[in-house]
Amino acid sequence: MNIDPYKVREALLGGSARSFVLENQGKRLLDGTLQPGFRASLMLN
């Protein structure tokens, strides 16, 4: 069975599983763009 993870994310966003993390971090995870954000760089200084 071949399931498209992007379609699964979209389906979840349409229901009660919708969240900031799923909207933003979920897309970054699927796209493979996992560079640290501002908070991580702030902690390094």
C-alpha atoms as a PDB file:
ATOM      1  CA  MET A   1       0.000   0.000   0.000  1.00  0.00           C
ATOM      2  CA  ASN A   2       1.422   3.366  -1.020  1.00  0.00           C
ATOM      3  CA  ILE A   3       0.160   6.227   1.155  1.00  0.00           C
ATOM      4  CA  ASP A   4       1.080   9.828   0.335  1.00  0.00           C
ATOM      5  CA  PRO A   5       2.222  11.488   3.603  1.00  0.00           C
ATOM      6  CA  TYR A   6       1.295  14.946   2.253  1.00  0.00           C
ATOM      7  CA  LYS A   7      -2.305  13.814   1.726  1.00  0.00           C
ATOM      8  CA  VAL A   8      -2.398  12.281   5.202  1.00  0.00           C
ATOM      9  CA  ARG A   9      -1.232  15.615   6.662  1.00  0.00           C
ATOM     10  CA  GLU A  10      -3.896  17.488   4.695  1.00  0.00           C
ATOM     11  CA  ALA A  11      -6.600  15.084   5.885  1.00  0.00           C
ATOM     12  CA  LEU A  12      -5.528  15.510   9.511  1.00  0.00           C
ATOM     13  CA  LEU A  13      -5.513  19.294   9.164  1.00  0.00           C
ATOM     14  CA  GLY A  14      -9.190  19.120   8.215  1.00  0.00           C
ATOM     15  CA  GLY A  15     -10.197  17.547  11.521  1.00  0.00           C
ATOM     16  CA  SER A  16      -9.688  17.860  15.239  1.00  0.00           C
ATOM     17  CA  ALA A  17      -5.999  16.890  14.907  1.00  0.00           C
ATOM     18  CA  ARG A  18      -5.286  20.362  13.474  1.00  0.00           C
ATOM     19  CA  SER A  19      -2.517  22.068  15.422  1.00  0.00           C
ATOM     20  CA  PHE A  20       0.322  24.549  15.004  1.00  0.00           C
ATOM     21  CA  VAL A  21       2.848  21.722  15.127  1.00  0.00           C
ATOM     22  CA  LEU A  22       1.080  19.689  12.434  1.00  0.00           C
ATOM     23  CA  GLU A  23       0.616  22.731  10.206  1.00  0.00           C
ATOM     24  CA  ASN A  24       4.164  24.053  10.409  1.00  0.00           C
ATOM     25  CA  GLN A  25       6.557  21.421  11.684  1.00  0.00           C
ATOM     26  CA  GLY A  26       4.767  18.585   9.883  1.00  0.00           C
ATOM     27  CA  LYS A  27       5.342  20.261   6.517  1.00  0.00           C
ATOM     28  CA  ARG A  28       8.985  20.950   7.349  1.00  0.00           C
ATOM     29  CA  LEU A  29       9.441  17.313   8.351  1.00  0.00           C
ATOM     30  CA  LEU A  30       7.894  16.047   5.097  1.00  0.00           C
ATOM     31  CA  ASP A  31       9.914  18.518   3.001  1.00  0.00           C
ATOM     32  CA  GLY A  32      13.158  17.619   4.803  1.00  0.00           C
ATOM     33  CA  THR A  33      13.829  21.228   5.854  1.00  0.00           C
ATOM     34  CA  LEU A  34      14.709  20.703   9.489  1.00  0.00           C
ATOM     35  CA  GLN A  35      17.131  23.551  10.133  1.00  0.00           C
ATOM     36  CA  PRO A  36      16.883  24.939  13.662  1.00  0.00           C
ATOM     37  CA  GLY A  37      14.725  27.993  14.087  1.00  0.00           C
ATOM     38  CA  PHE A  38      15.337  31.243  15.969  1.00  0.00           C
ATOM     39  CA  ARG A  39      15.004  29.710  19.426  1.00  0.00           C
ATOM     40  CA  ALA A  40      17.723  27.145  18.772  1.00  0.00           C
ATOM     41  CA  SER A  41      20.128  29.778  17.504  1.00  0.00           C
ATOM     42  CA  LEU A  42      19.315  32.003  20.480  1.00  0.00           C
ATOM     43  CA  MET A  43      20.279  29.200  22.848  1.00  0.00           C
ATOM     44  CA  LEU A  44      23.684  28.886  21.172  1.00  0.00           C
ATOM     45  CA  ASN A  45      24.648  32.487  21.994  1.00  0.00           C
END
